[in-house]
Structure formats: C-alpha cells, structure tokens
Amino acid sequence: PYVIVCNHQASLDLMGMVEVIPDRCVPIAKKELMYMGTVGWACWLSGIIFIDRHKREDAINVISQTARTMRHENVR
C-alpha cells in the first residue's frame, strides 16, 4: 500500500491526475465536495473517501479506519 498526495490548484488538474494515478487507487476528498450536486453524486458513486477537515478527530478516525482496512484486507 502507498499514499499519493496531490494538491491540485484548479479543476483541470484533475484530468491530469486521473492519467497518473494507478487503477486501484481510491482518492480522499474534503466532505464539502459531497454536497456539490452532480459532482458529489459522481464522487460518492466512484468510492471516494470523504473527510471533514473542520473536525480533526473525525478526519483522523476516517483515515485510520481506511488504513486498518487496507492492512486487514491486504489491498492497495
């Protein structure tokens, strides 16, 4: 397992990131994206993991649970 950190500055950067990121990679996004209409639905359906950046403990718990699942199921 590995982590790729991308700090894109514009919405067009996403198209470039999709070409570079491996097939079995699951992105983590801020929770606010979930409420952006069609974009939120598409993100949710594609399996993006949402974190609440305003609640530090909740964000840490989500990321920790994801890491435990990755180790337990031996997935990337």
PDB file of N, CA and C in Angstrom:
ATOM      1  N   PRO A   1       0.814  -1.206   0.000  1.00  0.00           N
ATOM      2  CA  PRO A   1       0.000   0.000   0.000  1.00  0.00           C
ATOM      3  C   PRO A   1       0.852   1.263   0.000  1.00  0.00           C
ATOM      4  N   TYR A   2       0.362   2.288  -0.615  1.00  0.00           N
ATOM      5  CA  TYR A   2       1.088   3.551  -0.646  1.00  0.00           C
ATOM      6  C   TYR A   2       0.095   4.700  -0.709  1.00  0.00           C
ATOM      7  N   VAL A   3       0.605   5.881  -0.461  1.00  0.00           N
ATOM      8  CA  VAL A   3      -0.219   7.085  -0.452  1.00  0.00           C
ATOM      9  C   VAL A   3       0.372   8.075  -1.437  1.00  0.00           C
ATOM     10  N   ILE A   4      -0.476   8.635  -2.280  1.00  0.00           N
ATOM     11  CA  ILE A   4      -0.064   9.692  -3.202  1.00  0.00           C
ATOM     12  C   ILE A   4      -0.770  10.968  -2.757  1.00  0.00           C
ATOM     13  N   VAL A   5      -0.019  12.013  -2.514  1.00  0.00           N
ATOM     14  CA  VAL A   5      -0.594  13.279  -2.078  1.00  0.00           C
ATOM     15  C   VAL A   5      -0.562  14.246  -3.254  1.00  0.00           C
ATOM     16  N   CYS A   6      -1.736  14.730  -3.641  1.00  0.00           N
ATOM     17  CA  CYS A   6      -1.846  15.678  -4.747  1.00  0.00           C
ATOM     18  C   CYS A   6      -2.551  16.934  -4.238  1.00  0.00           C
ATOM     19  N   ASN A   7      -1.963  18.065  -4.486  1.00  0.00           N
ATOM     20  CA  ASN A   7      -2.574  19.331  -4.114  1.00  0.00           C
ATOM     21  C   ASN A   7      -2.860  20.099  -5.393  1.00  0.00           C
ATOM     22  N   HIS A   8      -3.973  19.750  -6.029  1.00  0.00           N
ATOM     23  CA  HIS A   8      -4.284  20.410  -7.291  1.00  0.00           C
ATOM     24  C   HIS A   8      -4.848  21.800  -7.022  1.00  0.00           C
ATOM     25  N   GLN A   9      -4.532  22.710  -7.916  1.00  0.00           N
ATOM     26  CA  GLN A   9      -4.914  24.103  -7.739  1.00  0.00           C
ATOM     27  C   GLN A   9      -6.109  24.510  -8.595  1.00  0.00           C
ATOM     28  N   ALA A  10      -6.438  23.731  -9.609  1.00  0.00           N
ATOM     29  CA  ALA A  10      -7.557  24.064 -10.492  1.00  0.00           C
ATOM     30  C   ALA A  10      -8.313  22.784 -10.846  1.00  0.00           C
ATOM     31  N   SER A  11      -9.532  22.938 -11.314  1.00  0.00           N
ATOM     32  CA  SER A  11     -10.331  21.759 -11.650  1.00  0.00           C
ATOM     33  C   SER A  11      -9.755  20.999 -12.842  1.00  0.00           C
ATOM     34  N   LEU A  12      -9.003  21.651 -13.700  1.00  0.00           N
ATOM     35  CA  LEU A  12      -8.392  20.971 -14.843  1.00  0.00           C
ATOM     36  C   LEU A  12      -7.263  20.026 -14.417  1.00  0.00           C
ATOM     37  N   ASP A  13      -6.687  20.252 -13.256  1.00  0.00           N
ATOM     38  CA  ASP A  13      -5.623  19.378 -12.773  1.00  0.00           C
ATOM     39  C   ASP A  13      -6.127  17.960 -12.547  1.00  0.00           C
ATOM     40  N   LEU A  14      -7.406  17.827 -12.264  1.00  0.00           N
ATOM     41  CA  LEU A  14      -7.987  16.518 -12.007  1.00  0.00           C
ATOM     42  C   LEU A  14      -7.835  15.590 -13.208  1.00  0.00           C
ATOM     43  N   MET A  15      -7.969  16.127 -14.412  1.00  0.00           N
ATOM     44  CA  MET A  15      -7.829  15.295 -15.613  1.00  0.00           C
ATOM     45  C   MET A  15      -6.415  14.731 -15.727  1.00  0.00           C
ATOM     46  N   GLY A  16      -5.423  15.526 -15.396  1.00  0.00           N
ATOM     47  CA  GLY A  16      -4.043  15.048 -15.416  1.00  0.00           C
ATOM     48  C   GLY A  16      -3.775  14.024 -14.332  1.00  0.00           C
ATOM     49  N   MET A  17      -4.367  14.244 -13.161  1.00  0.00           N
ATOM     50  CA  MET A  17      -4.171  13.307 -12.050  1.00  0.00           C
ATOM     51  C   MET A  17      -4.786  11.951 -12.365  1.00  0.00           C
ATOM     52  N   VAL A  18      -5.901  11.915 -13.060  1.00  0.00           N
ATOM     53  CA  VAL A  18      -6.557  10.655 -13.405  1.00  0.00           C
ATOM     54  C   VAL A  18      -5.645   9.810 -14.292  1.00  0.00           C
ATOM     55  N   GLU A  19      -4.867  10.437 -15.142  1.00  0.00           N
ATOM     56  CA  GLU A  19      -3.963   9.698 -16.021  1.00  0.00           C
ATOM     57  C   GLU A  19      -2.764   9.129 -15.269  1.00  0.00           C
ATOM     58  N   VAL A  20      -2.355   9.767 -14.191  1.00  0.00           N
ATOM     59  CA  VAL A  20      -1.146   9.373 -13.468  1.00  0.00           C
ATOM     60  C   VAL A  20      -1.437   8.382 -12.336  1.00  0.00           C
ATOM     61  N   ILE A  21      -2.577   8.516 -11.694  1.00  0.00           N
ATOM     62  CA  ILE A  21      -2.912   7.693 -10.528  1.00  0.00           C
ATOM     63  C   ILE A  21      -3.180   6.252 -10.966  1.00  0.00           C
ATOM     64  N   PRO A  22      -2.665   5.259 -10.230  1.00  0.00           N
ATOM     65  CA  PRO A  22      -2.891   3.841 -10.566  1.00  0.00           C
ATOM     66  C   PRO A  22      -4.378   3.471 -10.537  1.00  0.00           C
ATOM     67  N   ASP A  23      -4.711   2.355 -11.195  1.00  0.00           N
ATOM     68  CA  ASP A  23      -6.108   1.930 -11.339  1.00  0.00           C
ATOM     69  C   ASP A  23      -6.802   1.670 -10.013  1.00  0.00           C
ATOM     70  N   ARG A  24      -6.147   1.019  -9.066  1.00  0.00           N
ATOM     71  CA  ARG A  24      -6.799   0.630  -7.814  1.00  0.00           C
ATOM     72  C   ARG A  24      -6.684   1.683  -6.726  1.00  0.00           C
ATOM     73  N   CYS A  25      -6.366   2.892  -7.089  1.00  0.00           N
ATOM     74  CA  CYS A  25      -6.211   3.979  -6.123  1.00  0.00           C
ATOM     75  C   CYS A  25      -7.574   4.580  -5.781  1.00  0.00           C
ATOM     76  N   VAL A  26      -7.788   4.868  -4.502  1.00  0.00           N
ATOM     77  CA  VAL A  26      -9.028   5.492  -4.057  1.00  0.00           C
ATOM     78  C   VAL A  26      -8.685   6.865  -3.486  1.00  0.00           C
ATOM     79  N   PRO A  27      -9.237   7.907  -4.056  1.00  0.00           N
ATOM     80  CA  PRO A  27      -8.929   9.250  -3.563  1.00  0.00           C
ATOM     81  C   PRO A  27      -9.666   9.596  -2.272  1.00  0.00           C
ATOM     82  N   ILE A  28      -9.091  10.507  -1.530  1.00  0.00           N
ATOM     83  CA  ILE A  28      -9.710  11.079  -0.336  1.00  0.00           C
ATOM     84  C   ILE A  28      -9.990  12.539  -0.655  1.00  0.00           C
ATOM     85  N   ALA A  29     -11.201  12.983  -0.377  1.00  0.00           N
ATOM     86  CA  ALA A  29     -11.596  14.352  -0.713  1.00  0.00           C
ATOM     87  C   ALA A  29     -12.260  15.015   0.486  1.00  0.00           C
ATOM     88  N   LYS A  30     -12.307  16.322   0.460  1.00  0.00           N
ATOM     89  CA  LYS A  30     -12.989  17.040   1.538  1.00  0.00           C
ATOM     90  C   LYS A  30     -14.493  16.796   1.451  1.00  0.00           C
ATOM     91  N   LYS A  31     -15.121  16.757   2.600  1.00  0.00           N
ATOM     92  CA  LYS A  31     -16.535  16.410   2.696  1.00  0.00           C
ATOM     93  C   LYS A  31     -17.435  17.390   1.947  1.00  0.00           C
ATOM     94  N   GLU A  32     -16.992  18.621   1.782  1.00  0.00           N
ATOM     95  CA  GLU A  32     -17.801  19.626   1.106  1.00  0.00           C
ATOM     96  C   GLU A  32     -18.121  19.240  -0.330  1.00  0.00           C
ATOM     97  N   LEU A  33     -17.241  18.450  -0.970  1.00  0.00           N
ATOM     98  CA  LEU A  33     -17.494  18.028  -2.351  1.00  0.00           C
ATOM     99  C   LEU A  33     -18.732  17.149  -2.472  1.00  0.00           C
ATOM    100  N   MET A  34     -19.073  16.451  -1.393  1.00  0.00           N
ATOM    101  CA  MET A  34     -20.225  15.558  -1.416  1.00  0.00           C
ATOM    102  C   MET A  34     -21.523  16.334  -1.647  1.00  0.00           C
ATOM    103  N   TYR A  35     -21.547  17.613  -1.311  1.00  0.00           N
ATOM    104  CA  TYR A  35     -22.763  18.413  -1.420  1.00  0.00           C
ATOM    105  C   TYR A  35     -22.786  19.293  -2.669  1.00  0.00           C
ATOM    106  N   MET A  36     -21.987  18.961  -3.675  1.00  0.00           N
ATOM    107  CA  MET A  36     -21.908  19.771  -4.895  1.00  0.00           C
ATOM    108  C   MET A  36     -22.725  19.164  -6.036  1.00  0.00           C
ATOM    109  N   GLY A  37     -23.936  18.733  -5.751  1.00  0.00           N
ATOM    110  CA  GLY A  37     -24.847  18.249  -6.789  1.00  0.00           C
ATOM    111  C   GLY A  37     -24.328  17.035  -7.528  1.00  0.00           C
ATOM    112  N   THR A  38     -24.270  17.142  -8.843  1.00  0.00           N
ATOM    113  CA  THR A  38     -23.865  16.028  -9.697  1.00  0.00           C
ATOM    114  C   THR A  38     -22.436  15.590  -9.402  1.00  0.00           C
ATOM    115  N   VAL A  39     -21.563  16.531  -9.132  1.00  0.00           N
ATOM    116  CA  VAL A  39     -20.174  16.203  -8.803  1.00  0.00           C
ATOM    117  C   VAL A  39     -20.124  15.352  -7.531  1.00  0.00           C
ATOM    118  N   GLY A  40     -20.901  15.711  -6.536  1.00  0.00           N
ATOM    119  CA  GLY A  40     -20.948  14.953  -5.294  1.00  0.00           C
ATOM    120  C   GLY A  40     -21.445  13.542  -5.495  1.00  0.00           C
ATOM    121  N   TRP A  41     -22.507  13.391  -6.292  1.00  0.00           N
ATOM    122  CA  TRP A  41     -23.029  12.048  -6.587  1.00  0.00           C
ATOM    123  C   TRP A  41     -21.985  11.207  -7.303  1.00  0.00           C
ATOM    124  N   ALA A  42     -21.313  11.797  -8.292  1.00  0.00           N
ATOM    125  CA  ALA A  42     -20.294  11.060  -9.050  1.00  0.00           C
ATOM    126  C   ALA A  42     -19.142  10.646  -8.141  1.00  0.00           C
ATOM    127  N   CYS A  43     -18.721  11.534  -7.251  1.00  0.00           N
ATOM    128  CA  CYS A  43     -17.643  11.206  -6.311  1.00  0.00           C
ATOM    129  C   CYS A  43     -18.071  10.085  -5.374  1.00  0.00           C
ATOM    130  N   TRP A  44     -19.277  10.177  -4.853  1.00  0.00           N
ATOM    131  CA  TRP A  44     -19.775   9.170  -3.920  1.00  0.00           C
ATOM    132  C   TRP A  44     -19.892   7.809  -4.597  1.00  0.00           C
ATOM    133  N   LEU A  45     -20.426   7.783  -5.820  1.00  0.00           N
ATOM    134  CA  LEU A  45     -20.593   6.527  -6.545  1.00  0.00           C
ATOM    135  C   LEU A  45     -19.262   5.914  -6.967  1.00  0.00           C
ATOM    136  N   SER A  46     -18.237   6.735  -7.154  1.00  0.00           N
ATOM    137  CA  SER A  46     -16.936   6.203  -7.562  1.00  0.00           C
ATOM    138  C   SER A  46     -16.103   5.731  -6.374  1.00  0.00           C
ATOM    139  N   GLY A  47     -16.622   5.877  -5.155  1.00  0.00           N
ATOM    140  CA  GLY A  47     -15.940   5.326  -3.985  1.00  0.00           C
ATOM    141  C   GLY A  47     -14.956   6.250  -3.304  1.00  0.00           C
ATOM    142  N   ILE A  48     -15.055   7.528  -3.540  1.00  0.00           N
ATOM    143  CA  ILE A  48     -14.162   8.475  -2.883  1.00  0.00           C
ATOM    144  C   ILE A  48     -14.437   8.473  -1.382  1.00  0.00           C
ATOM    145  N   ILE A  49     -13.384   8.542  -0.590  1.00  0.00           N
ATOM    146  CA  ILE A  49     -13.498   8.607   0.863  1.00  0.00           C
ATOM    147  C   ILE A  49     -13.522  10.083   1.253  1.00  0.00           C
ATOM    148  N   PHE A  50     -14.581  10.501   1.931  1.00  0.00           N
ATOM    149  CA  PHE A  50     -14.738  11.899   2.309  1.00  0.00           C
ATOM    150  C   PHE A  50     -14.288  12.114   3.750  1.00  0.00           C
ATOM    151  N   ILE A  51     -13.541  13.195   3.978  1.00  0.00           N
ATOM    152  CA  ILE A  51     -13.129  13.560   5.333  1.00  0.00           C
ATOM    153  C   ILE A  51     -13.597  14.978   5.634  1.00  0.00           C
ATOM    154  N   ASP A  52     -13.903  15.200   6.896  1.00  0.00           N
ATOM    155  CA  ASP A  52     -14.324  16.522   7.356  1.00  0.00           C
ATOM    156  C   ASP A  52     -13.098  17.248   7.888  1.00  0.00           C
ATOM    157  N   ARG A  53     -12.597  18.207   7.127  1.00  0.00           N
ATOM    158  CA  ARG A  53     -11.367  18.899   7.513  1.00  0.00           C
ATOM    159  C   ARG A  53     -11.561  19.819   8.700  1.00  0.00           C
ATOM    160  N   HIS A  54     -12.793  20.165   9.030  1.00  0.00           N
ATOM    161  CA  HIS A  54     -13.052  21.063  10.152  1.00  0.00           C
ATOM    162  C   HIS A  54     -13.104  20.321  11.488  1.00  0.00           C
ATOM    163  N   LYS A  55     -13.286  19.008  11.446  1.00  0.00           N
ATOM    164  CA  LYS A  55     -13.306  18.180  12.655  1.00  0.00           C
ATOM    165  C   LYS A  55     -12.100  17.250  12.606  1.00  0.00           C
ATOM    166  N   ARG A  56     -11.022  17.678  13.206  1.00  0.00           N
ATOM    167  CA  ARG A  56      -9.739  16.984  13.125  1.00  0.00           C
ATOM    168  C   ARG A  56      -9.836  15.529  13.577  1.00  0.00           C
ATOM    169  N   GLU A  57     -10.502  15.273  14.701  1.00  0.00           N
ATOM    170  CA  GLU A  57     -10.586  13.919  15.240  1.00  0.00           C
ATOM    171  C   GLU A  57     -11.349  12.999  14.289  1.00  0.00           C
ATOM    172  N   ASP A  58     -12.433  13.500  13.709  1.00  0.00           N
ATOM    173  CA  ASP A  58     -13.206  12.699  12.762  1.00  0.00           C
ATOM    174  C   ASP A  58     -12.379  12.362  11.518  1.00  0.00           C
ATOM    175  N   ALA A  59     -11.625  13.331  11.028  1.00  0.00           N
ATOM    176  CA  ALA A  59     -10.777  13.091   9.854  1.00  0.00           C
ATOM    177  C   ALA A  59      -9.714  12.043  10.158  1.00  0.00           C
ATOM    178  N   ILE A  60      -9.099  12.136  11.324  1.00  0.00           N
ATOM    179  CA  ILE A  60      -8.084  11.154  11.718  1.00  0.00           C
ATOM    180  C   ILE A  60      -8.707   9.771  11.843  1.00  0.00           C
ATOM    181  N   ASN A  61      -9.916   9.679  12.403  1.00  0.00           N
ATOM    182  CA  ASN A  61     -10.591   8.389  12.540  1.00  0.00           C
ATOM    183  C   ASN A  61     -10.901   7.764  11.185  1.00  0.00           C
ATOM    184  N   VAL A  62     -11.366   8.562  10.235  1.00  0.00           N
ATOM    185  CA  VAL A  62     -11.677   8.033   8.904  1.00  0.00           C
ATOM    186  C   VAL A  62     -10.413   7.519   8.225  1.00  0.00           C
ATOM    187  N   ILE A  63      -9.344   8.283   8.292  1.00  0.00           N
ATOM    188  CA  ILE A  63      -8.097   7.872   7.653  1.00  0.00           C
ATOM    189  C   ILE A  63      -7.512   6.647   8.354  1.00  0.00           C
ATOM    190  N   SER A  64      -7.588   6.589   9.684  1.00  0.00           N
ATOM    191  CA  SER A  64      -7.087   5.426  10.426  1.00  0.00           C
ATOM    192  C   SER A  64      -7.879   4.172  10.088  1.00  0.00           C
ATOM    193  N   GLN A  65      -9.202   4.294  10.001  1.00  0.00           N
ATOM    194  CA  GLN A  65     -10.048   3.145   9.651  1.00  0.00           C
ATOM    195  C   GLN A  65      -9.727   2.660   8.240  1.00  0.00           C
ATOM    196  N   THR A  66      -9.496   3.580   7.328  1.00  0.00           N
ATOM    197  CA  THR A  66      -9.129   3.212   5.962  1.00  0.00           C
ATOM    198  C   THR A  66      -7.807   2.464   5.946  1.00  0.00           C
ATOM    199  N   ALA A  67      -6.831   2.938   6.702  1.00  0.00           N
ATOM    200  CA  ALA A  67      -5.523   2.268   6.774  1.00  0.00           C
ATOM    201  C   ALA A  67      -5.663   0.874   7.374  1.00  0.00           C
ATOM    202  N   ARG A  68      -6.472   0.718   8.427  1.00  0.00           N
ATOM    203  CA  ARG A  68      -6.687  -0.610   9.023  1.00  0.00           C
ATOM    204  C   ARG A  68      -7.335  -1.562   8.024  1.00  0.00           C
ATOM    205  N   THR A  69      -8.308  -1.067   7.282  1.00  0.00           N
ATOM    206  CA  THR A  69      -8.971  -1.902   6.275  1.00  0.00           C
ATOM    207  C   THR A  69      -7.985  -2.325   5.197  1.00  0.00           C
ATOM    208  N   MET A  70      -7.124  -1.393   4.769  1.00  0.00           N
ATOM    209  CA  MET A  70      -6.124  -1.720   3.750  1.00  0.00           C
ATOM    210  C   MET A  70      -5.188  -2.812   4.251  1.00  0.00           C
ATOM    211  N   ARG A  71      -4.733  -2.712   5.492  1.00  0.00           N
ATOM    212  CA  ARG A  71      -3.827  -3.725   6.045  1.00  0.00           C
ATOM    213  C   ARG A  71      -4.527  -5.056   6.255  1.00  0.00           C
ATOM    214  N   HIS A  72      -5.765  -5.021   6.764  1.00  0.00           N
ATOM    215  CA  HIS A  72      -6.505  -6.243   7.067  1.00  0.00           C
ATOM    216  C   HIS A  72      -6.845  -7.021   5.806  1.00  0.00           C
ATOM    217  N   GLU A  73      -7.274  -6.326   4.772  1.00  0.00           N
ATOM    218  CA  GLU A  73      -7.662  -6.981   3.518  1.00  0.00           C
ATOM    219  C   GLU A  73      -6.515  -7.102   2.537  1.00  0.00           C
ATOM    220  N   ASN A  74      -5.335  -6.611   2.918  1.00  0.00           N
ATOM    221  CA  ASN A  74      -4.128  -6.671   2.092  1.00  0.00           C
ATOM    222  C   ASN A  74      -4.391  -6.102   0.689  1.00  0.00           C
ATOM    223  N   VAL A  75      -4.948  -4.905   0.653  1.00  0.00           N
ATOM    224  CA  VAL A  75      -5.219  -4.242  -0.613  1.00  0.00           C
ATOM    225  C   VAL A  75      -4.396  -2.976  -0.727  1.00  0.00           C
ATOM    226  N   ARG A  76      -4.252  -2.503  -1.932  1.00  0.00           N
ATOM    227  CA  ARG A  76      -3.565  -1.237  -2.164  1.00  0.00           C
ATOM    228  C   ARG A  76      -4.579  -0.147  -2.297  1.00  0.00           C
TER     229      ARG A  76
END
